[in-house]
Each structure stands twice: as C-alpha cells, then as structure tokens.
Amino acid sequence: MENMNTVQSRDCPVCGASFLKASLFIPENFDSNKVSTLSFASRKEPEFMCHRLVECPQCDLVYVDLPPSQENLAHSYHAADYDSSEEADDAALSYIEALQNTFNQLTLGSALEIGTGTGVFLEHLVKLGFTSVEGIEPSEKAIAAAPAHRVRWIKEGMFSESDYKPESFDLICCFMTMEHVRDPLMVAQAAMRLLKPGGAFVTITHDRRSWVNRCLGRGSPIIDIEHMQLFSPKSICYLLNTIGYKDISTKAFTNRYTTQYWLRLCPFPASVKEFLLWLLIKTKIAQIKLSFNVGNSITVGFK
C-alpha cells in the first residue's frame, strides 16, 4: 500500500501513531456539488463519497488524515435533515436486546447518550428502570422530531465533558457516533471521568473487518464523508484498553429493519432500486422486518 507523506496529516486519533507510518486505504472521493442536508443525516441513503482514508498499522484504525475542522462538523450536523424515525426506533430495540447482559451488571440509575437523535433509546432505558436519563444531540431537526416528553431529556449541541459533573452516570452510550467525532480518544476519556465506579461505557460501531464490509469494499455504506474513522474489533478494544476500562468485550449483533430500508442501503444503481422498491411495495413485503448481522459491533467497558 502507498505510504502517506504529507506533513498536514494528523496522527492516528486512537493510538497516536505517526501519520508517516499510515498507508493509503481509500483515496478521496468527494464532490461538493453532491453534498446536501441529508449528507450528515443518520441512516441516510448511501452516497459512496469519502475523504481520504488511511490505515494505522499499530491499532488497525482506518481514519481520515485531513479531517474537516470541529467547527465545520458541528455546523454540518446542526443543519442536517432527519428522516429516519422508524429506523431509529428499530435500531433502539436491537440495542436494548444486545445489552441485556450489561444491564444486569449495572445500577439502573443515571444514563447519558451521546448522539441521542430523538431520544428513543432513552425512553427504553426509562422503561427498564433508569431513574435519570440525558441525551446530547447536534441536529436540531432530529430533536424537533422527538415527542414532547423526550425533548426535555435532550440538550442540543456537540458533546462537551464540562457540561456534566464527574462520576455522575452509571451508563454512557455512544451508538454509531464514534466514527463521526473528530477525537474518539477524547470522547472515551471523558466518558471514563463522567462514569461512576462500576459504570459502563457502551459504543456501537461499524466493524470494517466484518465479512459484509470486506465483500462490499468501496461499495459499503460505511465508506462515507460522515465517517472520520472506521473501527475494527482490535482498534475499538485498543482504545478502551488504553484509557483503562476493565472487562472489555466486543461482539457482533443483528439489526432488524424493514426490507424497504435494507434495500436503501444496497449499492445498486438508482434505477434498480426504484424497480425493486416498486416490487417490494407491489408484493406487500416492503414493511416486513428482517434481522441481519450487517457488520456492526457492540463494545462495552467498565470503570
């Protein structure tokens, strides 16, 4: 693979290895004319654009070596459209099912979700018995789509450790968000300081080394301009272990969505998708929900 040599590149945001050791993973494929308010929306139609991605030989992370500024990212997510309430509900149910063992090991007290969207996962936590829930979400349109009783749980903006008291949470969740932040090490370190002893930090990330993402290659939905880094089981565990989390575990799990949504993620030409969607609707199976392991991992670390 090609070695990178630009002095403008950042070092690995997980292990700190020099960018000079990184190798090219995928070259930049970016057309500013194709960027829209949906480009930074959750569970959007794949655009198959990306910033230049490089691979760290030390921790196995793939990352953008020349990322947008924090200010640009904050603006992009603040202005993003939101059109995936049903899929967010489905995702939250999958997460709850995958975390049953973790809940059994926790005090069901206070919880924080970083990148909470409409707060649907927080509602499930309340139903489980959590006594206090909070969420942080940068997209004003996602918050606007939340029911009124959830809005009071949600703070609009980018995550900042200083907004919360040290050792104030039993659970901190960061679902499909660690790929999007500019500094994943900072987020995981902050979570450690905000957790009570015995509390858990839970993150769900795409697994770039899963069979489905390796088979799809550049046609995988995880190759996207939203993603500042892509994790593997090795790199996400490296991150949590470096900070000092204990009893770290990572595992694949299944997501359950409608056949219509699964079609949306497939790397087919638009004309093919239109025909297949027509066929799904015509045969009345568009809303049937199916579960698949599509290359996502859930990782837990305890304080």
C-alpha atoms as a PDB file:
ATOM      1  CA  MET A   1       0.000   0.000   0.000  1.00  0.00           C
ATOM      2  CA  GLU A   2       1.062   3.598  -0.596  1.00  0.00           C
ATOM      3  CA  ASN A   3       2.788   5.411   2.310  1.00  0.00           C
ATOM      4  CA  MET A   4       1.488   8.864   3.195  1.00  0.00           C
ATOM      5  CA  ASN A   5       3.985  11.716   3.364  1.00  0.00           C
ATOM      6  CA  THR A   6       2.041  14.945   3.694  1.00  0.00           C
ATOM      7  CA  VAL A   7       3.029  16.999   6.741  1.00  0.00           C
ATOM      8  CA  GLN A   8      -0.555  18.247   7.040  1.00  0.00           C
ATOM      9  CA  SER A   9      -1.880  14.838   8.038  1.00  0.00           C
ATOM     10  CA  ARG A  10      -2.989  14.102  11.600  1.00  0.00           C
ATOM     11  CA  ASP A  11      -1.599  11.225  13.630  1.00  0.00           C
ATOM     12  CA  CYS A  12      -3.806   8.244  14.484  1.00  0.00           C
ATOM     13  CA  PRO A  13      -6.649   9.537  16.694  1.00  0.00           C
ATOM     14  CA  VAL A  14      -6.736   6.292  18.701  1.00  0.00           C
ATOM     15  CA  CYS A  15      -3.146   5.247  19.398  1.00  0.00           C
ATOM     16  CA  GLY A  16      -1.223   8.355  18.355  1.00  0.00           C
ATOM     17  CA  ALA A  17       0.989   6.528  15.865  1.00  0.00           C
ATOM     18  CA  SER A  18       2.613   8.898  13.385  1.00  0.00           C
ATOM     19  CA  PHE A  19       0.778   9.550  10.136  1.00  0.00           C
ATOM     20  CA  LEU A  20       4.099   8.751   8.451  1.00  0.00           C
ATOM     21  CA  LYS A  21       3.504   5.083   9.309  1.00  0.00           C
ATOM     22  CA  ALA A  22      -0.010   5.101   7.851  1.00  0.00           C
ATOM     23  CA  SER A  23      -0.785   3.703   4.425  1.00  0.00           C
ATOM     24  CA  LEU A  24      -3.445   4.717   1.964  1.00  0.00           C
ATOM     25  CA  PHE A  25      -6.685   2.801   2.428  1.00  0.00           C
ATOM     26  CA  ILE A  26      -9.026   4.619   0.031  1.00  0.00           C
ATOM     27  CA  PRO A  27      -8.261   7.834  -1.878  1.00  0.00           C
ATOM     28  CA  GLU A  28     -10.533  10.837  -1.590  1.00  0.00           C
ATOM     29  CA  ASN A  29     -13.813  10.564  -3.483  1.00  0.00           C
ATOM     30  CA  PHE A  30     -15.662  13.778  -2.765  1.00  0.00           C
ATOM     31  CA  ASP A  31     -17.910  16.005  -4.857  1.00  0.00           C
ATOM     32  CA  SER A  32     -19.073  19.121  -3.014  1.00  0.00           C
ATOM     33  CA  ASN A  33     -21.912  19.537  -5.526  1.00  0.00           C
ATOM     34  CA  LYS A  34     -23.472  16.316  -4.236  1.00  0.00           C
ATOM     35  CA  VAL A  35     -23.444  17.348  -0.576  1.00  0.00           C
ATOM     36  CA  SER A  36     -26.903  18.113   0.794  1.00  0.00           C
ATOM     37  CA  THR A  37     -28.622  18.495   4.154  1.00  0.00           C
ATOM     38  CA  LEU A  38     -29.107  14.723   4.125  1.00  0.00           C
ATOM     39  CA  SER A  39     -25.370  14.046   3.748  1.00  0.00           C
ATOM     40  CA  PHE A  40     -24.928  14.261   7.532  1.00  0.00           C
ATOM     41  CA  ALA A  41     -28.254  12.692   8.452  1.00  0.00           C
ATOM     42  CA  SER A  42     -28.455   9.379  10.265  1.00  0.00           C
ATOM     43  CA  ARG A  43     -29.387   6.244   8.286  1.00  0.00           C
ATOM     44  CA  LYS A  44     -29.396   8.125   5.010  1.00  0.00           C
ATOM     45  CA  GLU A  45     -29.227   6.704   1.506  1.00  0.00           C
ATOM     46  CA  PRO A  46     -25.530   5.862   0.865  1.00  0.00           C
ATOM     47  CA  GLU A  47     -23.712   8.449  -1.261  1.00  0.00           C
ATOM     48  CA  PHE A  48     -20.442   6.484  -1.603  1.00  0.00           C
ATOM     49  CA  MET A  49     -18.317   9.587  -1.114  1.00  0.00           C
ATOM     50  CA  CYS A  50     -15.447   9.822   1.347  1.00  0.00           C
ATOM     51  CA  HIS A  51     -12.483  11.854   2.469  1.00  0.00           C
ATOM     52  CA  ARG A  52      -9.078  10.235   2.031  1.00  0.00           C
ATOM     53  CA  LEU A  53      -8.768   7.291   4.405  1.00  0.00           C
ATOM     54  CA  VAL A  54      -5.511   5.865   5.749  1.00  0.00           C
ATOM     55  CA  GLU A  55      -4.793   2.751   7.799  1.00  0.00           C
ATOM     56  CA  CYS A  56      -2.833   2.680  11.069  1.00  0.00           C
ATOM     57  CA  PRO A  57      -0.522  -0.371  11.307  1.00  0.00           C
ATOM     58  CA  GLN A  58      -0.384  -0.195  15.115  1.00  0.00           C
ATOM     59  CA  CYS A  59      -4.027  -0.253  16.237  1.00  0.00           C
ATOM     60  CA  ASP A  60      -5.787  -1.202  12.954  1.00  0.00           C
ATOM     61  CA  LEU A  61      -7.838   2.005  12.772  1.00  0.00           C
ATOM     62  CA  VAL A  62      -8.756   3.471   9.397  1.00  0.00           C
ATOM     63  CA  TYR A  63      -9.080   7.249   9.629  1.00  0.00           C
ATOM     64  CA  VAL A  64      -9.360  10.497   7.690  1.00  0.00           C
ATOM     65  CA  ASP A  65      -5.914  12.040   7.808  1.00  0.00           C
ATOM     66  CA  LEU A  66      -7.121  15.515   6.783  1.00  0.00           C
ATOM     67  CA  PRO A  67     -10.467  15.865   8.576  1.00  0.00           C
ATOM     68  CA  PRO A  68     -12.788  18.874   8.478  1.00  0.00           C
ATOM     69  CA  SER A  69     -12.491  21.265  11.415  1.00  0.00           C
ATOM     70  CA  GLN A  70     -14.568  20.785  14.552  1.00  0.00           C
ATOM     71  CA  GLU A  71     -16.496  23.921  13.601  1.00  0.00           C
ATOM     72  CA  ASN A  72     -17.353  22.558  10.152  1.00  0.00           C
ATOM     73  CA  LEU A  73     -18.501  19.245  11.608  1.00  0.00           C
ATOM     74  CA  ALA A  74     -20.639  20.977  14.225  1.00  0.00           C
ATOM     75  CA  HIS A  75     -22.317  23.089  11.539  1.00  0.00           C
ATOM     76  CA  SER A  76     -22.918  20.087   9.256  1.00  0.00           C
ATOM     77  CA  TYR A  77     -24.640  18.065  11.976  1.00  0.00           C
ATOM     78  CA  HIS A  78     -26.602  21.027  13.298  1.00  0.00           C
ATOM     79  CA  ALA A  79     -28.058  21.669   9.834  1.00  0.00           C
ATOM     80  CA  ALA A  80     -28.627  18.012   8.927  1.00  0.00           C
ATOM     81  CA  ASP A  81     -32.087  16.821   7.939  1.00  0.00           C
ATOM     82  CA  TYR A  82     -33.773  13.970   9.767  1.00  0.00           C
ATOM     83  CA  ASP A  83     -35.997  11.383   8.109  1.00  0.00           C
ATOM     84  CA  SER A  84     -35.382   8.098   9.927  1.00  0.00           C
ATOM     85  CA  SER A  85     -37.631   7.947  12.992  1.00  0.00           C
ATOM     86  CA  GLU A  86     -38.895   4.447  12.187  1.00  0.00           C
ATOM     87  CA  GLU A  87     -35.371   3.119  11.629  1.00  0.00           C
ATOM     88  CA  ALA A  88     -34.186   4.813  14.838  1.00  0.00           C
ATOM     89  CA  ASP A  89     -36.941   3.015  16.747  1.00  0.00           C
ATOM     90  CA  ASP A  90     -35.925  -0.304  15.197  1.00  0.00           C
ATOM     91  CA  ALA A  91     -32.256   0.321  15.996  1.00  0.00           C
ATOM     92  CA  ALA A  92     -33.025   1.169  19.625  1.00  0.00           C
ATOM     93  CA  LEU A  93     -34.858  -2.147  20.075  1.00  0.00           C
ATOM     94  CA  SER A  94     -31.867  -4.026  18.636  1.00  0.00           C
ATOM     95  CA  TYR A  95     -29.522  -2.212  21.025  1.00  0.00           C
ATOM     96  CA  ILE A  96     -31.704  -2.953  24.043  1.00  0.00           C
ATOM     97  CA  GLU A  97     -31.765  -6.653  23.176  1.00  0.00           C
ATOM     98  CA  ALA A  98     -27.988  -6.772  22.675  1.00  0.00           C
ATOM     99  CA  LEU A  99     -27.315  -5.061  26.028  1.00  0.00           C
ATOM    100  CA  GLN A 100     -29.394  -7.219  28.346  1.00  0.00           C
ATOM    101  CA  ASN A 101     -26.338  -8.788  29.974  1.00  0.00           C
ATOM    102  CA  THR A 102     -24.770  -5.363  30.532  1.00  0.00           C
ATOM    103  CA  PHE A 103     -27.919  -4.029  32.195  1.00  0.00           C
ATOM    104  CA  ASN A 104     -27.794  -6.987  34.597  1.00  0.00           C
ATOM    105  CA  GLN A 105     -24.368  -5.798  35.781  1.00  0.00           C
ATOM    106  CA  LEU A 106     -25.332  -2.149  36.334  1.00  0.00           C
ATOM    107  CA  THR A 107     -27.122   0.024  38.830  1.00  0.00           C
ATOM    108  CA  LEU A 108     -30.096   1.328  36.877  1.00  0.00           C
ATOM    109  CA  GLY A 109     -29.573   4.916  37.954  1.00  0.00           C
ATOM    110  CA  SER A 110     -28.413   7.690  35.628  1.00  0.00           C
ATOM    111  CA  ALA A 111     -27.614   7.395  31.913  1.00  0.00           C
ATOM    112  CA  LEU A 112     -26.229   9.647  29.186  1.00  0.00           C
ATOM    113  CA  GLU A 113     -26.484   9.030  25.451  1.00  0.00           C
ATOM    114  CA  ILE A 114     -24.071  10.891  23.171  1.00  0.00           C
ATOM    115  CA  GLY A 115     -25.761  11.383  19.792  1.00  0.00           C
ATOM    116  CA  THR A 116     -29.245  10.587  21.041  1.00  0.00           C
ATOM    117  CA  GLY A 117     -31.273  11.592  17.956  1.00  0.00           C
ATOM    118  CA  THR A 118     -34.924  11.687  19.025  1.00  0.00           C
ATOM    119  CA  GLY A 119     -34.114  10.116  22.399  1.00  0.00           C
ATOM    120  CA  VAL A 120     -35.911   6.852  21.651  1.00  0.00           C
ATOM    121  CA  PHE A 121     -33.199   4.772  23.339  1.00  0.00           C
ATOM    122  CA  LEU A 122     -33.529   6.940  26.461  1.00  0.00           C
ATOM    123  CA  GLU A 123     -37.208   6.068  26.593  1.00  0.00           C
ATOM    124  CA  HIS A 124     -36.350   2.365  26.592  1.00  0.00           C
ATOM    125  CA  LEU A 125     -33.925   2.988  29.469  1.00  0.00           C
ATOM    126  CA  VAL A 126     -36.676   4.673  31.482  1.00  0.00           C
ATOM    127  CA  LYS A 127     -38.928   1.674  30.879  1.00  0.00           C
ATOM    128  CA  LEU A 128     -36.131  -0.591  32.123  1.00  0.00           C
ATOM    129  CA  GLY A 129     -35.963   1.360  35.374  1.00  0.00           C
ATOM    130  CA  PHE A 130     -33.278   4.027  34.915  1.00  0.00           C
ATOM    131  CA  THR A 131     -34.186   6.918  37.190  1.00  0.00           C
ATOM    132  CA  SER A 132     -32.447   9.721  35.282  1.00  0.00           C
ATOM    133  CA  VAL A 133     -31.648   9.986  31.562  1.00  0.00           C
ATOM    134  CA  GLU A 134     -29.974  12.679  29.470  1.00  0.00           C
ATOM    135  CA  GLY A 135     -29.033  12.957  25.816  1.00  0.00           C
ATOM    136  CA  ILE A 136     -26.872  15.253  23.718  1.00  0.00           C
ATOM    137  CA  GLU A 137     -27.696  15.752  20.025  1.00  0.00           C
ATOM    138  CA  PRO A 138     -26.305  18.264  17.487  1.00  0.00           C
ATOM    139  CA  SER A 139     -29.156  18.035  14.930  1.00  0.00           C
ATOM    140  CA  GLU A 140     -31.983  20.457  15.652  1.00  0.00           C
ATOM    141  CA  LYS A 141     -34.238  18.607  13.206  1.00  0.00           C
ATOM    142  CA  ALA A 142     -33.723  15.303  14.996  1.00  0.00           C
ATOM    143  CA  ILE A 143     -34.720  16.949  18.277  1.00  0.00           C
ATOM    144  CA  ALA A 144     -37.713  18.587  16.585  1.00  0.00           C
ATOM    145  CA  ALA A 145     -38.862  15.108  15.508  1.00  0.00           C
ATOM    146  CA  ALA A 146     -38.864  13.875  19.112  1.00  0.00           C
ATOM    147  CA  PRO A 147     -42.104  13.642  21.113  1.00  0.00           C
ATOM    148  CA  ALA A 148     -42.535  16.477  23.594  1.00  0.00           C
ATOM    149  CA  HIS A 149     -41.896  14.303  26.647  1.00  0.00           C
ATOM    150  CA  ARG A 150     -38.464  13.304  25.284  1.00  0.00           C
ATOM    151  CA  VAL A 151     -37.353  16.803  24.322  1.00  0.00           C
ATOM    152  CA  ARG A 152     -36.842  17.700  27.990  1.00  0.00           C
ATOM    153  CA  TRP A 153     -34.194  14.958  28.208  1.00  0.00           C
ATOM    154  CA  ILE A 154     -32.187  16.266  25.252  1.00  0.00           C
ATOM    155  CA  LYS A 155     -29.578  19.025  25.102  1.00  0.00           C
ATOM    156  CA  GLU A 156     -28.812  20.425  21.648  1.00  0.00           C
ATOM    157  CA  GLY A 157     -25.145  20.701  20.686  1.00  0.00           C
ATOM    158  CA  MET A 158     -21.896  18.798  20.431  1.00  0.00           C
ATOM    159  CA  PHE A 159     -20.767  16.674  23.389  1.00  0.00           C
ATOM    160  CA  SER A 160     -18.641  18.544  25.940  1.00  0.00           C
ATOM    161  CA  GLU A 161     -17.430  16.933  29.151  1.00  0.00           C
ATOM    162  CA  SER A 162     -17.665  20.240  31.002  1.00  0.00           C
ATOM    163  CA  ASP A 163     -21.475  20.163  30.730  1.00  0.00           C
ATOM    164  CA  TYR A 164     -21.656  17.297  33.232  1.00  0.00           C
ATOM    165  CA  LYS A 165     -20.411  16.524  36.741  1.00  0.00           C
ATOM    166  CA  PRO A 166     -17.598  13.973  37.217  1.00  0.00           C
ATOM    167  CA  GLU A 167     -18.699  10.461  38.205  1.00  0.00           C
ATOM    168  CA  SER A 168     -22.381  11.244  37.663  1.00  0.00           C
ATOM    169  CA  PHE A 169     -23.519   8.416  35.337  1.00  0.00           C
ATOM    170  CA  ASP A 170     -23.977   4.666  35.668  1.00  0.00           C
ATOM    171  CA  LEU A 171     -24.177   4.234  31.899  1.00  0.00           C
ATOM    172  CA  ILE A 172     -22.853   6.281  28.972  1.00  0.00           C
ATOM    173  CA  CYS A 173     -23.830   5.219  25.451  1.00  0.00           C
ATOM    174  CA  CYS A 174     -22.408   6.318  22.129  1.00  0.00           C
ATOM    175  CA  PHE A 175     -24.178   4.492  19.301  1.00  0.00           C
ATOM    176  CA  MET A 176     -22.971   4.873  15.714  1.00  0.00           C
ATOM    177  CA  THR A 177     -21.304   8.110  16.756  1.00  0.00           C
ATOM    178  CA  MET A 178     -17.650   7.302  17.483  1.00  0.00           C
ATOM    179  CA  GLU A 179     -16.983   7.186  13.732  1.00  0.00           C
ATOM    180  CA  HIS A 180     -18.323  10.722  13.385  1.00  0.00           C
ATOM    181  CA  VAL A 181     -16.385  12.587  16.072  1.00  0.00           C
ATOM    182  CA  ARG A 182     -13.048  14.237  15.351  1.00  0.00           C
ATOM    183  CA  ASP A 183     -11.408  12.922  18.535  1.00  0.00           C
ATOM    184  CA  PRO A 184     -12.691   9.494  19.642  1.00  0.00           C
ATOM    185  CA  LEU A 185      -9.958   9.240  22.283  1.00  0.00           C
ATOM    186  CA  MET A 186     -11.219  12.421  23.937  1.00  0.00           C
ATOM    187  CA  VAL A 187     -14.803  11.118  23.981  1.00  0.00           C
ATOM    188  CA  ALA A 188     -13.820   7.802  25.569  1.00  0.00           C
ATOM    189  CA  GLN A 189     -11.579   9.529  28.135  1.00  0.00           C
ATOM    190  CA  ALA A 190     -14.352  11.959  29.038  1.00  0.00           C
ATOM    191  CA  ALA A 191     -16.793   9.083  29.448  1.00  0.00           C
ATOM    192  CA  MET A 192     -14.401   7.399  31.875  1.00  0.00           C
ATOM    193  CA  ARG A 193     -14.273  10.530  34.039  1.00  0.00           C
ATOM    194  CA  LEU A 194     -18.048  11.004  33.927  1.00  0.00           C
ATOM    195  CA  LEU A 195     -18.831   7.405  34.928  1.00  0.00           C
ATOM    196  CA  LYS A 196     -19.393   6.327  38.486  1.00  0.00           C
ATOM    197  CA  PRO A 197     -17.181   3.436  39.680  1.00  0.00           C
ATOM    198  CA  GLY A 198     -18.699   0.262  38.257  1.00  0.00           C
ATOM    199  CA  GLY A 199     -20.403   2.167  35.466  1.00  0.00           C
ATOM    200  CA  ALA A 200     -20.200   1.169  31.801  1.00  0.00           C
ATOM    201  CA  PHE A 201     -19.318   2.919  28.549  1.00  0.00           C
ATOM    202  CA  VAL A 202     -21.092   1.286  25.608  1.00  0.00           C
ATOM    203  CA  THR A 203     -20.338   2.056  21.995  1.00  0.00           C
ATOM    204  CA  ILE A 204     -21.729   0.602  18.787  1.00  0.00           C
ATOM    205  CA  THR A 205     -19.545   0.949  15.727  1.00  0.00           C
ATOM    206  CA  HIS A 206     -19.262  -0.424  12.230  1.00  0.00           C
ATOM    207  CA  ASP A 207     -16.748  -3.265  12.013  1.00  0.00           C
ATOM    208  CA  ARG A 208     -14.683  -2.579   8.917  1.00  0.00           C
ATOM    209  CA  ARG A 209     -13.258  -6.107   9.040  1.00  0.00           C
ATOM    210  CA  SER A 210     -16.632  -7.854   9.076  1.00  0.00           C
ATOM    211  CA  TRP A 211     -17.259 -10.149   6.133  1.00  0.00           C
ATOM    212  CA  VAL A 212     -20.025  -7.954   4.715  1.00  0.00           C
ATOM    213  CA  ASN A 213     -17.925  -4.775   4.692  1.00  0.00           C
ATOM    214  CA  ARG A 214     -14.919  -6.601   3.241  1.00  0.00           C
ATOM    215  CA  CYS A 215     -17.085  -8.078   0.486  1.00  0.00           C
ATOM    216  CA  LEU A 216     -18.678  -4.742  -0.391  1.00  0.00           C
ATOM    217  CA  GLY A 217     -15.363  -2.873  -0.305  1.00  0.00           C
ATOM    218  CA  ARG A 218     -15.805   0.680  -1.575  1.00  0.00           C
ATOM    219  CA  GLY A 219     -19.485  -0.089  -2.105  1.00  0.00           C
ATOM    220  CA  SER A 220     -20.059  -0.482   1.634  1.00  0.00           C
ATOM    221  CA  PRO A 221     -22.288   2.179   3.259  1.00  0.00           C
ATOM    222  CA  ILE A 222     -19.574   2.709   5.891  1.00  0.00           C
ATOM    223  CA  ILE A 223     -17.392   4.425   3.263  1.00  0.00           C
ATOM    224  CA  ASP A 224     -18.912   7.846   3.783  1.00  0.00           C
ATOM    225  CA  ILE A 225     -17.984  11.515   4.216  1.00  0.00           C
ATOM    226  CA  GLU A 226     -19.557  11.473   7.688  1.00  0.00           C
ATOM    227  CA  HIS A 227     -17.011   8.985   8.978  1.00  0.00           C
ATOM    228  CA  MET A 228     -13.784  10.404  10.384  1.00  0.00           C
ATOM    229  CA  GLN A 229     -12.609   6.902  11.328  1.00  0.00           C
ATOM    230  CA  LEU A 230     -13.617   3.273  10.903  1.00  0.00           C
ATOM    231  CA  PHE A 231     -13.051   0.753  13.675  1.00  0.00           C
ATOM    232  CA  SER A 232     -12.345  -2.947  13.839  1.00  0.00           C
ATOM    233  CA  PRO A 233     -12.639  -5.086  16.989  1.00  0.00           C
ATOM    234  CA  LYS A 234      -8.897  -4.599  17.520  1.00  0.00           C
ATOM    235  CA  SER A 235      -8.976  -0.812  17.256  1.00  0.00           C
ATOM    236  CA  ILE A 236     -12.055  -0.209  19.423  1.00  0.00           C
ATOM    237  CA  CYS A 237     -10.720  -2.513  22.146  1.00  0.00           C
ATOM    238  CA  TYR A 238      -7.299  -0.858  21.855  1.00  0.00           C
ATOM    239  CA  LEU A 239      -8.996   2.483  22.505  1.00  0.00           C
ATOM    240  CA  LEU A 240     -10.839   1.391  25.648  1.00  0.00           C
ATOM    241  CA  ASN A 241      -7.912  -0.628  26.992  1.00  0.00           C
ATOM    242  CA  THR A 242      -5.509   2.317  26.615  1.00  0.00           C
ATOM    243  CA  ILE A 243      -7.769   4.507  28.740  1.00  0.00           C
ATOM    244  CA  GLY A 244      -8.095   1.895  31.470  1.00  0.00           C
ATOM    245  CA  TYR A 245     -11.554   0.397  31.029  1.00  0.00           C
ATOM    246  CA  LYS A 246     -11.972  -3.059  32.574  1.00  0.00           C
ATOM    247  CA  ASP A 247     -13.762  -6.219  31.461  1.00  0.00           C
ATOM    248  CA  ILE A 248     -13.853  -5.003  27.867  1.00  0.00           C
ATOM    249  CA  SER A 249     -15.948  -7.075  25.485  1.00  0.00           C
ATOM    250  CA  THR A 250     -16.940  -6.682  21.866  1.00  0.00           C
ATOM    251  CA  LYS A 251     -19.340  -8.741  19.799  1.00  0.00           C
ATOM    252  CA  ALA A 252     -21.359  -8.643  16.611  1.00  0.00           C
ATOM    253  CA  PHE A 253     -25.133  -8.374  16.821  1.00  0.00           C
ATOM    254  CA  THR A 254     -28.102  -8.281  14.477  1.00  0.00           C
ATOM    255  CA  ASN A 255     -30.104  -5.268  13.351  1.00  0.00           C
ATOM    256  CA  ARG A 256     -33.779  -5.540  12.463  1.00  0.00           C
ATOM    257  CA  TYR A 257     -35.211  -3.255   9.781  1.00  0.00           C
ATOM    258  CA  THR A 258     -37.863  -3.328   7.071  1.00  0.00           C
ATOM    259  CA  THR A 259     -36.966  -4.878   3.714  1.00  0.00           C
ATOM    260  CA  GLN A 260     -37.532  -1.424   2.246  1.00  0.00           C
ATOM    261  CA  TYR A 261     -34.780   0.029   4.440  1.00  0.00           C
ATOM    262  CA  TRP A 262     -32.361  -2.835   3.745  1.00  0.00           C
ATOM    263  CA  LEU A 263     -32.838  -2.117   0.033  1.00  0.00           C
ATOM    264  CA  ARG A 264     -31.988   1.534   0.707  1.00  0.00           C
ATOM    265  CA  LEU A 265     -28.535   0.506   1.945  1.00  0.00           C
ATOM    266  CA  CYS A 266     -27.677  -1.725  -1.000  1.00  0.00           C
ATOM    267  CA  PRO A 267     -25.066  -0.451  -3.507  1.00  0.00           C
ATOM    268  CA  PHE A 268     -27.410  -0.760  -6.503  1.00  0.00           C
ATOM    269  CA  PRO A 269     -27.956   1.838  -9.259  1.00  0.00           C
ATOM    270  CA  ALA A 270     -30.903   4.157  -8.591  1.00  0.00           C
ATOM    271  CA  SER A 271     -32.945   2.641 -11.424  1.00  0.00           C
ATOM    272  CA  VAL A 272     -32.516  -0.857  -9.981  1.00  0.00           C
ATOM    273  CA  LYS A 273     -33.503   0.352  -6.516  1.00  0.00           C
ATOM    274  CA  GLU A 274     -36.608   2.045  -7.889  1.00  0.00           C
ATOM    275  CA  PHE A 275     -37.729  -1.145  -9.616  1.00  0.00           C
ATOM    276  CA  LEU A 276     -37.010  -3.325  -6.577  1.00  0.00           C
ATOM    277  CA  LEU A 277     -38.820  -0.893  -4.282  1.00  0.00           C
ATOM    278  CA  TRP A 278     -41.828  -0.967  -6.607  1.00  0.00           C
ATOM    279  CA  LEU A 279     -41.700  -4.757  -6.490  1.00  0.00           C
ATOM    280  CA  LEU A 280     -41.487  -4.815  -2.672  1.00  0.00           C
ATOM    281  CA  ILE A 281     -44.470  -2.491  -2.371  1.00  0.00           C
ATOM    282  CA  LYS A 282     -46.427  -4.353  -5.046  1.00  0.00           C
ATOM    283  CA  THR A 283     -45.907  -7.677  -3.300  1.00  0.00           C
ATOM    284  CA  LYS A 284     -46.690  -6.102   0.089  1.00  0.00           C
ATOM    285  CA  ILE A 285     -43.405  -7.135   1.683  1.00  0.00           C
ATOM    286  CA  ALA A 286     -41.794  -3.682   1.882  1.00  0.00           C
ATOM    287  CA  GLN A 287     -42.676  -3.347   5.583  1.00  0.00           C
ATOM    288  CA  ILE A 288     -41.723  -6.869   6.626  1.00  0.00           C
ATOM    289  CA  LYS A 289     -38.873  -6.667   9.138  1.00  0.00           C
ATOM    290  CA  LEU A 290     -35.841  -8.926   8.873  1.00  0.00           C
ATOM    291  CA  SER A 291     -32.795  -9.329  11.126  1.00  0.00           C
ATOM    292  CA  PHE A 292     -29.261  -9.485   9.758  1.00  0.00           C
ATOM    293  CA  ASN A 293     -25.717  -9.216  11.016  1.00  0.00           C
ATOM    294  CA  VAL A 294     -24.530  -6.396   8.786  1.00  0.00           C
ATOM    295  CA  GLY A 295     -21.110  -5.804  10.284  1.00  0.00           C
ATOM    296  CA  ASN A 296     -21.856  -3.783  13.416  1.00  0.00           C
ATOM    297  CA  SER A 297     -20.185  -4.403  16.781  1.00  0.00           C
ATOM    298  CA  ILE A 298     -21.231  -3.544  20.313  1.00  0.00           C
ATOM    299  CA  THR A 299     -18.357  -2.870  22.715  1.00  0.00           C
ATOM    300  CA  VAL A 300     -18.600  -2.472  26.495  1.00  0.00           C
ATOM    301  CA  GLY A 301     -16.006  -1.309  29.005  1.00  0.00           C
ATOM    302  CA  PHE A 302     -16.456  -0.820  32.765  1.00  0.00           C
ATOM    303  CA  LYS A 303     -14.906   1.709  35.129  1.00  0.00           C
END
